[in-house]
């Protein structure tokens, strides 16, 4: 498999984008792949908290620093494979969560953003050509921000997370048409919190929902994941793929991971 870049995106916050990105990365790494996970949600970075037990604090080099030309691509990456006893390797690249860093990134000019996307392509080249990374997953800012557009442009494939909430679906429909179709990018939709786990829909009914959504959104639906109450109540630092690998949420994500190769790069 050649190296592939995947962005995880949503039209707004609260869809479960980050928990899906982190656990998908862990699942793929534990299947023996070499994976990089990048926090490109510069407005609300959270991976430093999620991986706080596996990352050395203070972090010497953030993704912000790399995009500012203050360090090399390899300096931003931390290998957490041994910490989580993974079969493959998992490298984490973190965005700076400090308020001043968030404010600074929001004030960047358009020229800086143009330079930033070039640096992202350079980073991916390092990951794939020099470090033998199979898959790079980027957790992006929700909505249409420069940082999320840069992530999408530099990715081979995107997964847009939505719920069945009418605002989420309308926002997703508009974003797919106005952004993804305009950029001619490959994308699939993942429906999270599709129903309460206690009323988990049959495969046949989920298939009908997926077909209806595909007709409306005009893009493939890669899966529907129910709303698991215990997942909603789980601390952000709990990595379910590591601590509860047999949880139904992780089994659902594993099925989606298995579909990725067929849908993303047939």
Protein backbone atom coordinates (compact mmCIF):
# COMPACT_ATOMS: atom_id res chain seq x y z
CA UNK A 1 0.00 0.00 0.00
CA UNK A 2 1.28 3.45 -0.86
CA UNK A 3 0.98 6.09 1.84
CA UNK A 4 -2.46 7.68 2.02
CA UNK A 5 -3.66 10.80 3.81
CA UNK A 6 -7.14 10.86 5.34
CA UNK A 7 -8.82 13.90 6.89
CA UNK A 8 -11.56 13.54 9.49
CA UNK A 9 -13.92 16.49 9.21
CA UNK A 10 -17.38 17.70 10.25
CA UNK A 11 -19.57 20.68 9.58
CA UNK A 12 -19.66 21.63 13.28
CA UNK A 13 -18.38 20.45 16.66
CA UNK A 14 -20.00 17.78 18.81
CA UNK A 15 -20.27 15.03 16.20
CA UNK A 16 -17.57 12.82 17.75
CA UNK A 17 -14.93 13.69 15.16
CA UNK A 18 -11.92 13.49 17.49
CA UNK A 19 -12.86 10.26 19.26
CA UNK A 20 -13.35 8.64 15.85
CA UNK A 21 -10.03 9.97 14.53
CA UNK A 22 -8.03 8.82 17.58
CA UNK A 23 -9.55 5.37 17.85
CA UNK A 24 -9.43 4.79 14.10
CA UNK A 25 -5.69 5.57 14.18
CA UNK A 26 -5.18 3.13 17.06
CA UNK A 27 -7.20 0.40 15.31
CA UNK A 28 -5.21 0.75 12.08
CA UNK A 29 -1.88 0.78 13.95
CA UNK A 30 -2.89 -2.32 15.88
CA UNK A 31 -3.61 -4.04 12.56
CA UNK A 32 0.10 -3.72 11.81
CA UNK A 33 0.06 -0.51 9.77
CA UNK A 34 2.35 2.45 10.38
CA UNK A 35 0.09 5.41 11.16
CA UNK A 36 0.55 9.13 11.81
CA UNK A 37 -2.18 11.10 13.59
CA UNK A 38 -2.05 14.90 13.25
CA UNK A 39 -4.04 17.45 15.24
CA UNK A 40 -4.97 20.06 12.64
CA UNK A 41 -7.84 21.44 14.73
CA UNK A 42 -5.83 24.52 15.68
CA UNK A 43 -8.86 26.39 17.06
CA UNK A 44 -9.72 23.68 19.60
CA UNK A 45 -6.77 21.27 19.80
CA UNK A 46 -7.34 18.27 22.04
CA UNK A 47 -4.94 15.45 21.14
CA UNK A 48 -2.37 16.68 23.67
CA UNK A 49 -4.96 15.89 26.37
CA UNK A 50 -6.12 12.65 24.78
CA UNK A 51 -2.57 11.29 24.59
CA UNK A 52 -1.30 12.98 27.75
CA UNK A 53 -0.10 9.67 29.23
CA UNK A 54 1.90 8.77 26.14
CA UNK A 55 3.44 12.16 25.32
CA UNK A 56 6.36 13.78 27.07
CA UNK A 57 5.37 17.12 28.56
CA UNK A 58 6.34 19.86 27.84
CA UNK A 59 6.20 19.26 24.11
CA UNK A 60 9.32 20.68 22.45
CA UNK A 61 7.84 21.18 19.00
CA UNK A 62 4.20 21.66 18.04
CA UNK A 63 2.62 21.48 14.60
CA UNK A 64 2.19 25.24 14.92
CA UNK A 65 5.98 25.57 15.18
CA UNK A 66 6.50 23.44 12.09
CA UNK A 67 4.05 25.52 10.04
CA UNK A 68 5.84 28.65 11.27
CA UNK A 69 9.12 27.25 9.96
CA UNK A 70 10.62 26.89 13.46
CA UNK A 71 11.34 23.15 13.43
CA UNK A 72 11.55 20.16 11.09
CA UNK A 73 8.74 17.73 10.30
CA UNK A 74 10.37 14.89 12.23
CA UNK A 75 10.70 17.02 15.35
CA UNK A 76 6.92 17.32 15.76
CA UNK A 77 6.30 13.57 15.82
CA UNK A 78 6.19 11.36 18.91
CA UNK A 79 6.18 7.56 18.60
CA UNK A 80 3.63 6.13 21.09
CA UNK A 81 3.63 2.58 19.72
CA UNK A 82 5.37 0.97 22.69
CA UNK A 83 3.30 2.92 25.21
CA UNK A 84 0.10 1.42 23.80
CA UNK A 85 1.62 -1.95 22.82
CA UNK A 86 0.63 -1.64 19.16
CA UNK A 87 1.52 -4.11 16.39
CA UNK A 88 2.39 -1.29 14.00
CA UNK A 89 3.77 2.16 14.76
CA UNK A 90 1.76 5.24 15.71
CA UNK A 91 3.24 8.74 15.53
CA UNK A 92 1.39 11.73 17.02
CA UNK A 93 1.77 15.36 15.87
CA UNK A 94 0.17 17.83 18.27
CA UNK A 95 -1.28 21.32 17.93
CA UNK A 96 -0.50 23.76 20.73
CA UNK A 97 -3.55 24.09 23.05
CA UNK A 98 -2.34 27.29 24.77
CA UNK A 99 -4.78 30.20 24.41
CA UNK A 100 -2.09 32.46 22.95
CA UNK A 101 -1.22 29.83 20.32
CA UNK A 102 -4.90 29.45 19.37
CA UNK A 103 -5.27 33.23 19.09
CA UNK A 104 -2.10 33.46 17.03
CA UNK A 105 -3.23 30.84 14.51
CA UNK A 106 -6.60 32.62 14.09
CA UNK A 107 -4.80 35.83 13.14
CA UNK A 108 -2.72 34.29 10.36
CA UNK A 109 -2.91 35.85 6.91
CA UNK A 110 -4.05 34.18 3.73
CA UNK A 111 -0.44 34.17 2.50
CA UNK A 112 0.58 32.24 5.61
CA UNK A 113 -2.18 29.68 4.98
CA UNK A 114 -0.98 29.20 1.38
CA UNK A 115 2.52 28.54 2.69
CA UNK A 116 1.05 26.22 5.35
CA UNK A 117 -0.55 23.88 2.81
CA UNK A 118 2.80 23.55 1.04
CA UNK A 119 4.36 22.59 4.37
CA UNK A 120 1.62 19.99 4.89
CA UNK A 121 2.47 18.40 1.55
CA UNK A 122 6.13 18.40 2.56
CA UNK A 123 5.24 16.78 5.89
CA UNK A 124 3.28 14.04 4.12
CA UNK A 125 6.21 13.43 1.79
CA UNK A 126 8.45 12.91 4.82
CA UNK A 127 5.94 10.57 6.43
CA UNK A 128 5.41 8.42 3.37
CA UNK A 129 8.84 8.47 1.73
CA UNK A 130 11.23 8.67 4.68
CA UNK A 131 9.31 7.13 7.58
CA UNK A 132 7.34 4.41 5.74
CA UNK A 133 3.99 5.62 7.10
CA UNK A 134 1.05 3.80 5.51
CA UNK A 135 -1.76 6.10 6.61
CA UNK A 136 -1.79 9.67 7.92
CA UNK A 137 -5.01 10.72 9.68
CA UNK A 138 -5.69 14.42 10.29
CA UNK A 139 -8.23 15.60 12.85
CA UNK A 140 -9.38 18.87 11.31
CA UNK A 141 -11.23 21.96 12.46
CA UNK A 142 -15.00 21.69 11.95
CA UNK A 143 -16.63 23.83 9.30
CA UNK A 144 -14.90 25.68 6.49
CA UNK A 145 -11.73 27.14 8.00
CA UNK A 146 -8.40 27.67 6.24
CA UNK A 147 -6.83 24.90 8.33
CA UNK A 148 -9.56 22.40 7.46
CA UNK A 149 -9.40 23.33 3.77
CA UNK A 150 -5.63 22.85 3.83
CA UNK A 151 -6.09 19.42 5.39
CA UNK A 152 -8.67 18.41 2.80
CA UNK A 153 -6.57 19.69 -0.12
CA UNK A 154 -3.52 17.74 1.07
CA UNK A 155 -5.49 14.53 1.73
CA UNK A 156 -6.28 11.67 -0.62
CA UNK A 157 -9.60 10.98 1.05
CA UNK A 158 -11.89 12.55 3.66
CA UNK A 159 -14.43 11.19 6.10
CA UNK A 160 -17.10 13.70 7.08
CA UNK A 161 -18.74 12.92 10.43
CA UNK A 162 -22.37 13.85 10.93
CA UNK A 163 -25.28 12.93 13.17
CA UNK A 164 -28.88 12.57 12.05
CA UNK A 165 -29.68 15.97 13.53
CA UNK A 166 -31.30 18.10 10.82
CA UNK A 167 -28.80 20.95 11.27
CA UNK A 168 -25.85 18.55 10.98
CA UNK A 169 -27.30 16.93 7.87
CA UNK A 170 -28.10 20.24 6.15
CA UNK A 171 -24.67 21.61 7.00
CA UNK A 172 -23.05 18.42 5.72
CA UNK A 173 -25.05 18.52 2.49
CA UNK A 174 -24.05 22.13 1.85
CA UNK A 175 -20.39 21.54 2.75
CA UNK A 176 -20.12 18.51 0.49
CA UNK A 177 -21.50 20.49 -2.44
CA UNK A 178 -19.73 23.79 -1.83
CA UNK A 179 -16.36 22.48 -0.67
CA UNK A 180 -15.71 18.84 -1.56
CA UNK A 181 -17.40 18.87 -4.96
CA UNK A 182 -15.79 22.21 -5.79
CA UNK A 183 -12.36 20.76 -4.95
CA UNK A 184 -13.22 17.43 -6.62
CA UNK A 185 -12.08 15.50 -3.52
CA UNK A 186 -12.93 11.92 -2.63
CA UNK A 187 -15.12 11.76 0.47
CA UNK A 188 -17.46 9.46 2.38
CA UNK A 189 -19.90 10.22 5.18
CA UNK A 190 -19.87 8.50 8.57
CA UNK A 191 -23.04 8.88 10.65
CA UNK A 192 -22.26 8.90 14.38
CA UNK A 193 -24.81 8.66 17.22
CA UNK A 194 -27.29 7.37 14.65
CA UNK A 195 -29.65 5.95 17.28
CA UNK A 196 -29.59 5.07 20.97
CA UNK A 197 -27.69 1.81 21.48
CA UNK A 198 -30.74 0.35 23.23
CA UNK A 199 -32.68 0.79 19.98
CA UNK A 200 -29.88 -0.30 17.70
CA UNK A 201 -31.32 -0.58 14.24
CA UNK A 202 -31.24 -3.81 12.26
CA UNK A 203 -28.76 -4.12 9.41
CA UNK A 204 -31.63 -3.91 6.94
CA UNK A 205 -33.01 -0.71 8.45
CA UNK A 206 -29.53 0.84 8.70
CA UNK A 207 -29.06 -0.03 5.03
CA UNK A 208 -32.25 1.84 4.12
CA UNK A 209 -31.12 4.88 6.12
CA UNK A 210 -27.71 4.80 4.43
CA UNK A 211 -29.30 4.57 0.98
CA UNK A 212 -31.60 7.49 1.74
CA UNK A 213 -28.71 9.61 2.98
CA UNK A 214 -26.59 8.74 -0.04
CA UNK A 215 -29.37 9.96 -2.33
CA UNK A 216 -29.67 13.21 -0.34
CA UNK A 217 -25.96 13.87 0.22
CA UNK A 218 -24.86 12.46 -3.17
CA UNK A 219 -21.86 10.76 -1.57
CA UNK A 220 -21.28 7.28 -0.12
CA UNK A 221 -22.08 6.54 3.53
CA UNK A 222 -19.28 4.43 4.99
CA UNK A 223 -21.20 3.46 8.13
CA UNK A 224 -23.69 4.27 10.88
CA UNK A 225 -22.55 4.08 14.51
CA UNK A 226 -25.16 4.06 17.31
CA UNK A 227 -24.97 6.42 20.28
CA UNK A 228 -23.36 4.53 23.15
CA UNK A 229 -24.16 6.27 26.44
CA UNK A 230 -21.02 4.99 28.16
CA UNK A 231 -18.88 6.39 25.35
CA UNK A 232 -20.48 9.82 25.81
CA UNK A 233 -19.63 9.68 29.51
CA UNK A 234 -16.05 8.46 28.99
CA UNK A 235 -13.16 10.76 29.84
CA UNK A 236 -11.39 12.22 26.80
CA UNK A 237 -8.15 10.54 27.93
CA UNK A 238 -9.74 7.08 27.74
CA UNK A 239 -8.58 5.41 24.53
CA UNK A 240 -11.26 2.78 23.97
CA UNK A 241 -9.33 0.94 21.26
CA UNK A 242 -6.61 0.27 23.86
CA UNK A 243 -8.57 -0.07 27.08
CA UNK A 244 -11.80 -1.64 25.78
CA UNK A 245 -10.96 -3.25 22.41
CA UNK A 246 -14.11 -5.41 22.50
CA UNK A 247 -16.47 -2.48 23.00
CA UNK A 248 -19.22 -2.36 20.29
CA UNK A 249 -18.10 1.17 19.33
CA UNK A 250 -14.61 -0.16 18.55
CA UNK A 251 -16.07 -3.11 16.65
CA UNK A 252 -18.13 -0.66 14.56
CA UNK A 253 -15.03 1.43 13.86
CA UNK A 254 -13.04 -1.71 12.98
CA UNK A 255 -15.63 -2.55 10.33
CA UNK A 256 -15.25 0.97 8.94
CA UNK A 257 -11.45 0.60 8.95
CA UNK A 258 -11.84 -2.57 6.89
CA UNK A 259 -14.02 -0.70 4.37
CA UNK A 260 -11.56 2.16 3.97
CA UNK A 261 -9.20 0.42 1.59
CA UNK A 262 -12.03 -0.53 -0.77
CA UNK A 263 -13.70 2.90 -0.72
CA UNK A 264 -10.78 5.28 -0.31
CA UNK A 265 -8.30 3.75 -2.75
CA UNK A 266 -9.85 0.93 -4.82
